[in-house]
Amino acid sequence: MSLEAFLNEFDEEADEEDEVLTASGVLQILSEAWINEKLCPELLPHKSEYVEVMMEQIAQMEENVSRLNPTDLRNLIHRQELERIRYLIRSYLRIRLTKIEKYSLSLFKTTGIMSPQETNYLRDYLTLSVEPLKSLCDRMSGPIGNLNPKQIQINPDLETHVFVRSKSDLPEALIISDDEVIVREGSQHILPYVTVKNHIKDNRIVLI
């Protein structure tokens, strides 16, 4: 049984406007966000609202599975599929936390990218890592005593090349080193991340 078929068993009847909120629809969004986050050099805008919805769906699905006979083969299969979903969510959140730690200083003044929980994590991380270093440097003389946050700040390399697939035709050509790149639906390209980052955030292009 495919994961999509498994989720469809638990999707309630929904009209077209609510289709994205079905279990399979939410999982598709999170799967795409997970791959993008893994392959993207910078931290992408959070999808915490979908994570919360998926966790609620998991709780409902676990309740439904618990009604199955323990000897029923579907019980084992469904529990394995649920574990796959939990792994995806854990991996997605872990990747984001790793980036938050790595780019902590450059993310400190950003808004809208991190969820409230991630913002709190960033503050706690900086409190435990950067503040002690700053306190230590303040007690030293010479250049070491004048710690400039920019000296230890790590920024993502936005010029790195990424492998992308377009989900739709882009209205304008991309300019790469004075060359025009026409991006059509379904086409695949290797491009500098900086040239496609807005299209990734607009869900017109995905990383692969």
Protein backbone atom coordinates (compact mmCIF):
# COMPACT_ATOMS: atom_id res chain seq x y z
CA MET A 1 0.00 0.00 0.00
CA SER A 2 1.36 3.43 -0.93
CA LEU A 3 1.62 6.16 1.68
CA GLU A 4 -0.89 8.26 -0.25
CA ALA A 5 -3.41 5.41 -0.29
CA PHE A 6 -2.90 4.88 3.43
CA LEU A 7 -3.58 8.55 4.20
CA ASN A 8 -6.59 8.67 1.93
CA GLU A 9 -8.26 6.06 4.15
CA PHE A 10 -8.35 8.65 6.92
CA ASP A 11 -9.21 11.75 4.91
CA GLU A 12 -12.70 13.02 5.57
CA GLU A 13 -14.89 14.28 2.76
CA ALA A 14 -13.67 17.75 1.75
CA ASP A 15 -14.55 20.22 -0.97
CA GLU A 16 -11.91 21.61 -3.31
CA GLU A 17 -11.19 24.62 -1.09
CA ASP A 18 -10.41 22.36 1.87
CA GLU A 19 -8.49 19.75 -0.10
CA VAL A 20 -5.11 21.05 1.06
CA LEU A 21 -6.10 20.30 4.66
CA THR A 22 -6.60 16.58 4.10
CA ALA A 23 -3.96 14.31 5.59
CA SER A 24 -2.49 13.47 2.18
CA GLY A 25 -2.49 17.14 1.14
CA VAL A 26 -0.71 18.29 4.28
CA LEU A 27 1.83 15.47 3.97
CA GLN A 28 2.58 16.49 0.39
CA ILE A 29 3.30 20.05 1.53
CA LEU A 30 5.54 18.84 4.36
CA SER A 31 7.38 16.35 2.13
CA GLU A 32 8.18 19.12 -0.31
CA ALA A 33 9.20 21.48 2.51
CA TRP A 34 11.47 18.76 3.95
CA ILE A 35 13.31 18.22 0.65
CA ASN A 36 13.62 21.96 0.03
CA GLU A 37 14.98 22.51 3.53
CA LYS A 38 17.52 19.69 3.17
CA LEU A 39 18.88 21.03 -0.11
CA CYS A 40 18.55 24.77 0.45
CA PRO A 41 21.62 26.72 1.66
CA GLU A 42 19.54 29.08 3.82
CA LEU A 43 16.69 28.70 6.30
CA LEU A 44 13.34 28.77 4.49
CA PRO A 45 10.10 30.20 5.95
CA HIS A 46 8.67 27.79 8.50
CA LYS A 47 5.72 25.45 7.89
CA SER A 48 4.80 25.06 11.54
CA GLU A 49 1.07 25.37 10.87
CA TYR A 50 1.23 22.27 8.65
CA VAL A 51 3.36 20.42 11.21
CA GLU A 52 0.69 21.08 13.84
CA VAL A 53 -2.09 19.92 11.51
CA MET A 54 -0.14 16.77 10.64
CA MET A 55 0.48 15.97 14.31
CA GLU A 56 -3.27 16.23 14.92
CA GLN A 57 -3.88 13.95 11.95
CA ILE A 58 -1.35 11.45 13.32
CA ALA A 59 -3.18 11.36 16.66
CA GLN A 60 -6.46 10.69 14.84
CA MET A 61 -4.90 8.04 12.63
CA GLU A 62 -3.34 6.29 15.63
CA GLU A 63 -6.76 6.19 17.27
CA ASN A 64 -8.26 4.63 14.15
CA VAL A 65 -5.44 2.09 13.85
CA SER A 66 -5.83 1.10 17.50
CA ARG A 67 -9.31 -0.17 16.67
CA LEU A 68 -7.84 -2.78 14.35
CA ASN A 69 -7.23 -6.29 15.61
CA PRO A 70 -3.55 -6.64 16.68
CA THR A 71 -3.29 -9.71 14.45
CA ASP A 72 -4.61 -7.78 11.45
CA LEU A 73 -1.81 -7.24 8.91
CA ARG A 74 -3.16 -3.74 8.29
CA ASN A 75 -2.33 -2.84 11.89
CA LEU A 76 1.38 -3.43 11.29
CA ILE A 77 1.39 -1.75 7.88
CA HIS A 78 -0.44 1.35 9.12
CA ARG A 79 1.85 1.73 12.12
CA GLN A 80 4.88 1.54 9.85
CA GLU A 81 3.42 4.26 7.65
CA LEU A 82 2.75 6.44 10.70
CA GLU A 83 6.36 6.01 11.79
CA ARG A 84 7.49 7.16 8.34
CA ILE A 85 5.44 10.33 8.75
CA ARG A 86 6.85 10.96 12.23
CA TYR A 87 10.38 10.48 10.88
CA LEU A 88 9.76 13.07 8.14
CA ILE A 89 8.52 15.62 10.68
CA ARG A 90 11.40 14.98 13.09
CA SER A 91 13.96 15.24 10.29
CA TYR A 92 12.41 18.45 8.96
CA LEU A 93 12.51 20.11 12.39
CA ARG A 94 16.02 18.82 13.12
CA ILE A 95 17.37 20.25 9.86
CA ARG A 96 15.85 23.62 10.68
CA LEU A 97 17.32 23.67 14.19
CA THR A 98 20.75 22.83 12.78
CA LYS A 99 20.52 25.80 10.43
CA ILE A 100 19.28 28.06 13.21
CA GLU A 101 22.34 27.18 15.28
CA LYS A 102 24.73 27.59 12.34
CA TYR A 103 23.30 30.92 11.15
CA SER A 104 22.18 32.14 14.59
CA LEU A 105 23.73 35.60 14.41
CA SER A 106 22.50 36.32 10.89
CA LEU A 107 18.99 35.12 11.81
CA PHE A 108 18.78 37.11 15.03
CA LYS A 109 17.08 40.14 13.47
CA THR A 110 14.98 38.31 10.89
CA THR A 111 11.21 38.07 11.18
CA GLY A 112 8.63 35.72 9.70
CA ILE A 113 11.07 32.93 8.82
CA MET A 114 11.03 31.07 12.13
CA SER A 115 8.09 29.82 14.14
CA PRO A 116 7.59 31.24 17.67
CA GLN A 117 9.12 28.07 19.11
CA GLU A 118 12.14 28.37 16.82
CA THR A 119 12.56 32.05 17.75
CA ASN A 120 12.63 31.10 21.43
CA TYR A 121 15.16 28.37 20.66
CA LEU A 122 17.37 30.89 18.84
CA ARG A 123 17.32 33.27 21.81
CA ASP A 124 18.21 30.47 24.22
CA TYR A 125 20.98 29.25 21.93
CA LEU A 126 22.53 32.71 21.65
CA THR A 127 22.25 33.20 25.40
CA LEU A 128 24.15 29.96 26.05
CA SER A 129 26.74 30.28 23.28
CA VAL A 130 27.46 33.87 22.23
CA GLU A 131 26.96 35.75 25.51
CA PRO A 132 29.56 33.70 27.43
CA LEU A 133 32.04 34.26 24.59
CA LYS A 134 31.34 37.99 24.61
CA SER A 135 31.75 38.11 28.39
CA LEU A 136 35.09 36.31 28.13
CA CYS A 137 36.39 38.64 25.43
CA ASP A 138 35.34 41.72 27.41
CA ARG A 139 37.80 40.70 30.13
CA MET A 140 40.70 40.51 27.68
CA SER A 141 42.86 43.34 26.48
CA GLY A 142 43.82 44.22 22.95
CA PRO A 143 41.94 43.27 19.77
CA ILE A 144 40.52 40.13 21.34
CA GLY A 145 38.62 42.28 23.82
CA ASN A 146 36.76 44.05 21.02
CA LEU A 147 34.66 41.17 19.77
CA ASN A 148 32.68 42.12 16.69
CA PRO A 149 29.69 39.80 16.12
CA LYS A 150 30.32 40.00 12.37
CA GLN A 151 33.69 38.32 12.94
CA ILE A 152 31.99 35.11 14.09
CA GLN A 153 28.79 35.41 12.07
CA ILE A 154 28.20 32.70 9.47
CA ASN A 155 26.03 33.52 6.47
CA PRO A 156 24.54 31.03 4.01
CA ASP A 157 26.19 30.87 0.60
CA LEU A 158 23.41 32.06 -1.67
CA GLU A 159 25.60 31.73 -4.77
CA THR A 160 25.82 27.95 -4.44
CA HIS A 161 24.28 26.01 -7.33
CA VAL A 162 21.17 23.90 -6.76
CA PHE A 163 19.25 21.37 -8.85
CA VAL A 164 15.67 22.53 -9.35
CA ARG A 165 12.42 21.50 -11.01
CA SER A 166 9.81 24.03 -12.02
CA LYS A 167 6.19 23.46 -11.01
CA SER A 168 4.94 26.08 -13.49
CA ASP A 169 6.09 28.33 -16.30
CA LEU A 170 7.95 31.35 -14.98
CA PRO A 171 6.60 34.61 -16.44
CA GLU A 172 10.10 36.00 -17.04
CA ALA A 173 13.40 34.48 -18.07
CA LEU A 174 16.13 34.12 -15.46
CA ILE A 175 19.32 36.06 -16.15
CA ILE A 176 22.40 33.93 -15.46
CA SER A 177 25.75 35.52 -16.36
CA ASP A 178 24.11 37.65 -19.05
CA ASP A 179 22.36 34.57 -20.49
CA GLU A 180 18.59 34.10 -20.43
CA VAL A 181 17.20 30.86 -19.03
CA ILE A 182 13.60 30.08 -19.95
CA VAL A 183 11.94 27.99 -17.23
CA ARG A 184 8.94 25.90 -18.25
CA GLU A 185 6.69 23.67 -16.17
CA GLY A 186 8.43 20.39 -15.42
CA SER A 187 11.83 21.57 -16.66
CA GLN A 188 14.94 20.84 -14.58
CA HIS A 189 17.97 23.08 -14.22
CA ILE A 190 21.16 23.59 -12.23
CA LEU A 191 21.16 27.24 -11.23
CA PRO A 192 22.63 29.60 -8.61
CA TYR A 193 20.31 29.50 -5.61
CA VAL A 194 20.09 33.29 -5.43
CA THR A 195 18.40 33.39 -8.86
CA VAL A 196 15.56 31.06 -7.86
CA LYS A 197 15.16 31.59 -4.10
CA ASN A 198 12.07 33.79 -4.45
CA HIS A 199 10.45 31.26 -6.77
CA ILE A 200 11.14 28.50 -4.23
CA LYS A 201 9.48 30.55 -1.50
CA ASP A 202 6.54 31.24 -3.85
CA ASN A 203 6.21 27.47 -4.47
CA ARG A 204 6.84 27.79 -8.20
CA ILE A 205 10.13 25.87 -8.06
CA VAL A 206 11.25 22.97 -5.87
CA LEU A 207 14.68 21.63 -5.11
CA ILE A 208 15.50 18.06 -6.14
